[in-house]
Structure formats: C-alpha cells, structure tokens
Amino acid sequence: MRRLLVMAAVICLCTVAGASTASALPQQSPQSAHADIANAQGQKIGSATIHPSDGGVRIDVQVSQLAPGAHGIHIHAVGKCEGPAFASAGGHFNPTSKKHGKDNPEGPHGGDLQNIEVGADGTGKASLSDPSVTLGNGLNSLFHEGGTALVIHEKADDYKTDPAGNSGARIACGVIQTGAQ
C-alpha cells in the first residue's frame, strides 16, 4: 500500500510539473486576424483581414456605404467600438510614443496607415502595409491587453498633423480579433 501511495505521489508531481512547464512556454502567434467594420448605426459595412508580412502586417480592407473620396484609416489603441463616435477605441496605437504621420519627422505612430479610397458607388478596397506592428508578442503586438481596433475617419489623413492627420470624425470601427473571418 505504501509503495502505491509513493508511486501515486510521483505521478501527481510529474503531472503538475508538466502542466506548469507547458503553461510557461511562449504562446504561439496567431497566423491571421480580422475585424468586422461597422458604421455609427452599428451596421456592418465592411471587413478587414490581417496577416504577417515583411516584419509587420498586411491589412486587406473592403468597405461599402461610405462617402466617395479618401478616408484616413488607423489602428487605435483600445479594442472597443462603441458608436456613434467610437471614442471608446482610444487614440492611435502608438507603443513607441511617436508623432502622427509618415511625413512627420517625429513619426509615425504604430497604427498610422495609408488612406483608403472610396469610389463613387460608396465602396472601397485596399491592401495596406504596417511595418510597425505585429500579430506576435511584444510591445508592438496588436493583441496587447485591452486589444486594438481599426477606425475609418470621415476625411483623408494628411500624414503629418498630430494627433490624427486632420482626418475628421470617426465614422466606422472594427475590433481586431484573432483568426480569419
């Protein structure tokens, strides 16, 4: 009986040690992410898929029901999209404390992207690159505590004026989530 108790204790300790070792291993980075983009009324008007690319990410965006012209689009620091103004998404994702815009000598924010062009029919499609963020672990991860969101603005981003490139009000938002749609 004593031998059985000792063996059971050894098996139990090995199982606990194995479980704690497994949880200490780094988590695997997601291979993709997505966002369902909604307007101020909460209607889905588009989507985005995000994949690792050249040390950063590639964001493929499709939208509809927007005013024709160029619109600023940025990654924001909080994964919340409460309309109608989407202030819940916080400011731009900026883990390195830079100024706004690719044309700003003190920029860009990690979440600054190129404008998206919307046609006369209200639809737009773009493939955007962001070398300053990652789907993996670390400071530049889109999956930090609190999450991130993709926000579309009413006007074009001028790529230099802090804090948001004079791109106007937030008109659409989608929380960035792991996995493909």
C-alpha atoms as a PDB file:
ATOM      1  CA  MET A   1       0.000   0.000   0.000  1.00  0.00           C
ATOM      2  CA  ARG A   2       2.808   2.389   0.922  1.00  0.00           C
ATOM      3  CA  ARG A   3       4.532   1.706  -2.428  1.00  0.00           C
ATOM      4  CA  LEU A   4       1.288   2.583  -4.274  1.00  0.00           C
ATOM      5  CA  LEU A   5       0.974   5.887  -2.400  1.00  0.00           C
ATOM      6  CA  VAL A   6       4.577   6.847  -3.211  1.00  0.00           C
ATOM      7  CA  MET A   7       4.056   5.995  -6.911  1.00  0.00           C
ATOM      8  CA  ALA A   8       0.813   7.980  -6.989  1.00  0.00           C
ATOM      9  CA  ALA A   9       2.564  10.985  -5.415  1.00  0.00           C
ATOM     10  CA  VAL A  10       5.379  10.813  -8.010  1.00  0.00           C
ATOM     11  CA  ILE A  11       2.880  10.597 -10.890  1.00  0.00           C
ATOM     12  CA  CYS A  12       0.922  13.520  -9.444  1.00  0.00           C
ATOM     13  CA  LEU A  13       4.059  15.685  -9.056  1.00  0.00           C
ATOM     14  CA  CYS A  14       5.181  14.875 -12.608  1.00  0.00           C
ATOM     15  CA  THR A  15       1.768  15.807 -13.989  1.00  0.00           C
ATOM     16  CA  VAL A  16       1.722  19.131 -12.110  1.00  0.00           C
ATOM     17  CA  ALA A  17       5.300  19.916 -13.158  1.00  0.00           C
ATOM     18  CA  GLY A  18       4.483  19.094 -16.777  1.00  0.00           C
ATOM     19  CA  ALA A  19       1.416  21.318 -16.721  1.00  0.00           C
ATOM     20  CA  SER A  20       3.293  24.267 -15.265  1.00  0.00           C
ATOM     21  CA  THR A  21       6.116  23.832 -17.776  1.00  0.00           C
ATOM     22  CA  ALA A  22       3.662  23.791 -20.670  1.00  0.00           C
ATOM     23  CA  SER A  23       1.954  26.983 -19.497  1.00  0.00           C
ATOM     24  CA  ALA A  24       5.327  28.713 -19.173  1.00  0.00           C
ATOM     25  CA  LEU A  25       6.058  28.181 -22.864  1.00  0.00           C
ATOM     26  CA  PRO A  26       5.513  31.230 -25.083  1.00  0.00           C
ATOM     27  CA  GLN A  27       2.122  31.388 -26.756  1.00  0.00           C
ATOM     28  CA  GLN A  28       2.100  30.835 -30.497  1.00  0.00           C
ATOM     29  CA  SER A  29       1.419  33.974 -32.533  1.00  0.00           C
ATOM     30  CA  PRO A  30      -1.825  33.994 -34.495  1.00  0.00           C
ATOM     31  CA  GLN A  31      -1.393  33.487 -38.237  1.00  0.00           C
ATOM     32  CA  SER A  32      -4.173  35.935 -39.045  1.00  0.00           C
ATOM     33  CA  ALA A  33      -6.623  38.407 -37.581  1.00  0.00           C
ATOM     34  CA  HIS A  34      -9.795  40.111 -38.719  1.00  0.00           C
ATOM     35  CA  ALA A  35     -12.149  42.975 -37.968  1.00  0.00           C
ATOM     36  CA  ASP A  36     -15.810  43.402 -38.838  1.00  0.00           C
ATOM     37  CA  ILE A  37     -16.224  47.104 -39.564  1.00  0.00           C
ATOM     38  CA  ALA A  38     -19.464  48.806 -38.501  1.00  0.00           C
ATOM     39  CA  ASN A  39     -20.795  52.308 -39.042  1.00  0.00           C
ATOM     40  CA  ALA A  40     -22.119  54.677 -36.343  1.00  0.00           C
ATOM     41  CA  GLN A  41     -25.525  52.964 -36.502  1.00  0.00           C
ATOM     42  CA  GLY A  42     -23.937  49.564 -35.765  1.00  0.00           C
ATOM     43  CA  GLN A  43     -24.460  48.164 -39.289  1.00  0.00           C
ATOM     44  CA  LYS A  44     -21.668  46.056 -40.743  1.00  0.00           C
ATOM     45  CA  ILE A  45     -20.241  47.954 -43.722  1.00  0.00           C
ATOM     46  CA  GLY A  46     -17.001  46.100 -44.278  1.00  0.00           C
ATOM     47  CA  SER A  47     -14.263  43.823 -43.097  1.00  0.00           C
ATOM     48  CA  ALA A  48     -10.506  43.583 -42.799  1.00  0.00           C
ATOM     49  CA  THR A  49      -8.147  40.616 -42.722  1.00  0.00           C
ATOM     50  CA  ILE A  50      -4.686  40.951 -41.231  1.00  0.00           C
ATOM     51  CA  HIS A  51      -1.688  38.730 -41.956  1.00  0.00           C
ATOM     52  CA  PRO A  52       2.004  38.850 -41.012  1.00  0.00           C
ATOM     53  CA  SER A  53       4.090  40.451 -43.768  1.00  0.00           C
ATOM     54  CA  ASP A  54       7.700  41.645 -44.094  1.00  0.00           C
ATOM     55  CA  GLY A  55       8.322  42.208 -40.391  1.00  0.00           C
ATOM     56  CA  GLY A  56       4.896  43.806 -39.871  1.00  0.00           C
ATOM     57  CA  VAL A  57       1.386  43.159 -41.112  1.00  0.00           C
ATOM     58  CA  ARG A  58      -0.700  43.467 -44.277  1.00  0.00           C
ATOM     59  CA  ILE A  59      -4.278  44.643 -43.822  1.00  0.00           C
ATOM     60  CA  ASP A  60      -6.747  43.896 -46.624  1.00  0.00           C
ATOM     61  CA  VAL A  61      -9.818  46.123 -46.235  1.00  0.00           C
ATOM     62  CA  GLN A  62     -13.167  46.132 -48.044  1.00  0.00           C
ATOM     63  CA  VAL A  63     -15.845  48.709 -47.189  1.00  0.00           C
ATOM     64  CA  SER A  64     -19.157  49.958 -48.541  1.00  0.00           C
ATOM     65  CA  GLN A  65     -21.712  52.659 -47.777  1.00  0.00           C
ATOM     66  CA  LEU A  66     -19.082  55.390 -47.292  1.00  0.00           C
ATOM     67  CA  ALA A  67     -18.869  58.835 -48.886  1.00  0.00           C
ATOM     68  CA  PRO A  68     -16.692  58.888 -52.023  1.00  0.00           C
ATOM     69  CA  GLY A  69     -13.115  60.116 -51.619  1.00  0.00           C
ATOM     70  CA  ALA A  70     -10.090  59.417 -49.444  1.00  0.00           C
ATOM     71  CA  HIS A  71     -10.542  58.395 -45.818  1.00  0.00           C
ATOM     72  CA  GLY A  72      -7.984  58.110 -43.055  1.00  0.00           C
ATOM     73  CA  ILE A  73      -7.774  54.653 -41.530  1.00  0.00           C
ATOM     74  CA  HIS A  74      -5.771  53.870 -38.415  1.00  0.00           C
ATOM     75  CA  ILE A  75      -5.187  51.189 -35.809  1.00  0.00           C
ATOM     76  CA  HIS A  76      -6.426  52.515 -32.470  1.00  0.00           C
ATOM     77  CA  ALA A  77      -5.114  51.531 -29.039  1.00  0.00           C
ATOM     78  CA  VAL A  78      -8.272  50.027 -27.495  1.00  0.00           C
ATOM     79  CA  GLY A  79     -10.322  47.104 -28.770  1.00  0.00           C
ATOM     80  CA  LYS A  80     -13.736  48.748 -28.285  1.00  0.00           C
ATOM     81  CA  CYS A  81     -16.059  50.175 -30.930  1.00  0.00           C
ATOM     82  CA  GLU A  82     -18.928  51.904 -29.158  1.00  0.00           C
ATOM     83  CA  GLY A  83     -20.783  54.198 -31.564  1.00  0.00           C
ATOM     84  CA  PRO A  84     -21.688  56.651 -32.670  1.00  0.00           C
ATOM     85  CA  ALA A  85     -18.346  58.482 -32.181  1.00  0.00           C
ATOM     86  CA  PHE A  86     -16.123  55.452 -31.422  1.00  0.00           C
ATOM     87  CA  ALA A  87     -14.209  57.390 -28.744  1.00  0.00           C
ATOM     88  CA  SER A  88     -14.005  54.064 -26.877  1.00  0.00           C
ATOM     89  CA  ALA A  89     -11.259  52.991 -29.339  1.00  0.00           C
ATOM     90  CA  GLY A  90      -8.869  55.488 -27.726  1.00  0.00           C
ATOM     91  CA  GLY A  91      -6.074  57.214 -29.609  1.00  0.00           C
ATOM     92  CA  HIS A  92      -3.873  55.751 -32.294  1.00  0.00           C
ATOM     93  CA  PHE A  93      -1.871  52.658 -31.388  1.00  0.00           C
ATOM     94  CA  ASN A  94       1.475  54.273 -30.538  1.00  0.00           C
ATOM     95  CA  PRO A  95       3.696  51.953 -28.487  1.00  0.00           C
ATOM     96  CA  THR A  96       6.887  53.919 -29.276  1.00  0.00           C
ATOM     97  CA  SER A  97       5.462  57.388 -28.430  1.00  0.00           C
ATOM     98  CA  LYS A  98       5.993  58.963 -31.855  1.00  0.00           C
ATOM     99  CA  LYS A  99       4.107  61.827 -33.517  1.00  0.00           C
ATOM    100  CA  HIS A 100       1.423  61.232 -36.149  1.00  0.00           C
ATOM    101  CA  GLY A 101       2.117  60.555 -39.788  1.00  0.00           C
ATOM    102  CA  LYS A 102       4.610  59.080 -42.198  1.00  0.00           C
ATOM    103  CA  ASP A 103       5.553  62.612 -43.352  1.00  0.00           C
ATOM    104  CA  ASN A 104       6.173  63.862 -39.806  1.00  0.00           C
ATOM    105  CA  PRO A 105       9.910  63.813 -38.950  1.00  0.00           C
ATOM    106  CA  GLU A 106       8.952  62.590 -35.447  1.00  0.00           C
ATOM    107  CA  GLY A 107       6.507  59.932 -36.695  1.00  0.00           C
ATOM    108  CA  PRO A 108       4.732  57.717 -37.419  1.00  0.00           C
ATOM    109  CA  HIS A 109       2.521  56.111 -34.809  1.00  0.00           C
ATOM    110  CA  GLY A 110       2.497  52.321 -34.942  1.00  0.00           C
ATOM    111  CA  GLY A 111      -1.122  52.445 -36.105  1.00  0.00           C
ATOM    112  CA  ASP A 112      -0.755  55.007 -38.903  1.00  0.00           C
ATOM    113  CA  LEU A 113      -1.822  53.658 -42.298  1.00  0.00           C
ATOM    114  CA  GLN A 114      -2.264  54.977 -45.835  1.00  0.00           C
ATOM    115  CA  ASN A 115      -5.661  56.423 -46.782  1.00  0.00           C
ATOM    116  CA  ILE A 116      -8.332  54.223 -48.280  1.00  0.00           C
ATOM    117  CA  GLU A 117     -10.013  55.475 -51.475  1.00  0.00           C
ATOM    118  CA  VAL A 118     -13.781  55.073 -51.776  1.00  0.00           C
ATOM    119  CA  GLY A 119     -15.362  55.184 -55.237  1.00  0.00           C
ATOM    120  CA  ALA A 120     -18.498  56.966 -56.448  1.00  0.00           C
ATOM    121  CA  ASP A 121     -20.509  53.825 -55.610  1.00  0.00           C
ATOM    122  CA  GLY A 122     -19.517  54.068 -51.923  1.00  0.00           C
ATOM    123  CA  THR A 123     -17.197  51.041 -51.963  1.00  0.00           C
ATOM    124  CA  GLY A 124     -13.505  50.848 -51.311  1.00  0.00           C
ATOM    125  CA  LYS A 125     -10.859  48.176 -51.266  1.00  0.00           C
ATOM    126  CA  ALA A 126      -7.215  48.463 -50.201  1.00  0.00           C
ATOM    127  CA  SER A 127      -4.213  46.403 -49.198  1.00  0.00           C
ATOM    128  CA  LEU A 128      -2.333  48.367 -46.549  1.00  0.00           C
ATOM    129  CA  SER A 129       1.053  47.626 -45.006  1.00  0.00           C
ATOM    130  CA  ASP A 130       2.161  48.466 -41.475  1.00  0.00           C
ATOM    131  CA  PRO A 131       5.792  47.564 -40.680  1.00  0.00           C
ATOM    132  CA  SER A 132       5.462  48.964 -37.139  1.00  0.00           C
ATOM    133  CA  VAL A 133       3.081  46.364 -35.692  1.00  0.00           C
ATOM    134  CA  THR A 134       2.911  42.609 -35.309  1.00  0.00           C
ATOM    135  CA  LEU A 135       0.485  39.794 -34.573  1.00  0.00           C
ATOM    136  CA  GLY A 136       3.137  38.261 -32.313  1.00  0.00           C
ATOM    137  CA  ASN A 137       4.153  39.061 -28.763  1.00  0.00           C
ATOM    138  CA  GLY A 138       5.829  42.219 -27.544  1.00  0.00           C
ATOM    139  CA  LEU A 139       5.426  45.975 -27.412  1.00  0.00           C
ATOM    140  CA  ASN A 140       4.120  46.326 -30.995  1.00  0.00           C
ATOM    141  CA  SER A 141       1.589  43.494 -30.787  1.00  0.00           C
ATOM    142  CA  LEU A 142      -1.957  44.221 -31.909  1.00  0.00           C
ATOM    143  CA  PHE A 143      -3.028  41.792 -29.188  1.00  0.00           C
ATOM    144  CA  HIS A 144      -1.788  43.699 -26.146  1.00  0.00           C
ATOM    145  CA  GLU A 145      -4.004  43.836 -23.053  1.00  0.00           C
ATOM    146  CA  GLY A 146      -7.133  45.792 -23.973  1.00  0.00           C
ATOM    147  CA  GLY A 147      -6.849  44.959 -27.677  1.00  0.00           C
ATOM    148  CA  THR A 148      -6.880  47.232 -30.722  1.00  0.00           C
ATOM    149  CA  ALA A 149      -9.395  48.464 -33.278  1.00  0.00           C
ATOM    150  CA  LEU A 150      -9.378  49.587 -36.893  1.00  0.00           C
ATOM    151  CA  VAL A 151     -11.028  53.013 -37.300  1.00  0.00           C
ATOM    152  CA  ILE A 152     -12.054  54.819 -40.501  1.00  0.00           C
ATOM    153  CA  HIS A 153     -12.323  58.621 -40.474  1.00  0.00           C
ATOM    154  CA  GLU A 154     -14.561  60.978 -42.482  1.00  0.00           C
ATOM    155  CA  LYS A 155     -11.719  62.740 -44.351  1.00  0.00           C
ATOM    156  CA  ALA A 156      -8.280  61.994 -45.774  1.00  0.00           C
ATOM    157  CA  ASP A 157      -5.268  61.800 -43.458  1.00  0.00           C
ATOM    158  CA  ASP A 158      -2.657  64.485 -44.293  1.00  0.00           C
ATOM    159  CA  TYR A 159       0.099  62.148 -42.967  1.00  0.00           C
ATOM    160  CA  LYS A 160       1.719  64.789 -40.746  1.00  0.00           C
ATOM    161  CA  THR A 161      -0.595  66.644 -38.341  1.00  0.00           C
ATOM    162  CA  ASP A 162      -0.655  65.295 -34.796  1.00  0.00           C
ATOM    163  CA  PRO A 163      -2.677  63.530 -33.436  1.00  0.00           C
ATOM    164  CA  ALA A 164      -4.769  62.159 -36.351  1.00  0.00           C
ATOM    165  CA  GLY A 165      -3.750  63.873 -39.599  1.00  0.00           C
ATOM    166  CA  ASN A 166      -6.760  66.228 -39.702  1.00  0.00           C
ATOM    167  CA  SER A 167      -8.825  63.233 -40.805  1.00  0.00           C
ATOM    168  CA  GLY A 168     -12.005  64.324 -39.040  1.00  0.00           C
ATOM    169  CA  ALA A 169     -14.602  62.337 -37.151  1.00  0.00           C
ATOM    170  CA  ARG A 170     -14.515  58.588 -36.683  1.00  0.00           C
ATOM    171  CA  ILE A 171     -17.209  57.100 -38.918  1.00  0.00           C
ATOM    172  CA  ALA A 172     -16.593  53.340 -38.765  1.00  0.00           C
ATOM    173  CA  CYS A 173     -14.816  50.914 -36.441  1.00  0.00           C
ATOM    174  CA  GLY A 174     -13.946  47.229 -36.072  1.00  0.00           C
ATOM    175  CA  VAL A 175     -12.302  45.389 -33.167  1.00  0.00           C
ATOM    176  CA  ILE A 176      -9.233  43.428 -34.274  1.00  0.00           C
ATOM    177  CA  GLN A 177      -9.636  39.756 -33.309  1.00  0.00           C
ATOM    178  CA  THR A 178      -7.530  36.646 -33.812  1.00  0.00           C
ATOM    179  CA  GLY A 179      -8.259  34.292 -36.673  1.00  0.00           C
ATOM    180  CA  ALA A 180      -9.661  34.633 -40.148  1.00  0.00           C
ATOM    181  CA  GLN A 181     -13.281  35.565 -40.811  1.00  0.00           C
END
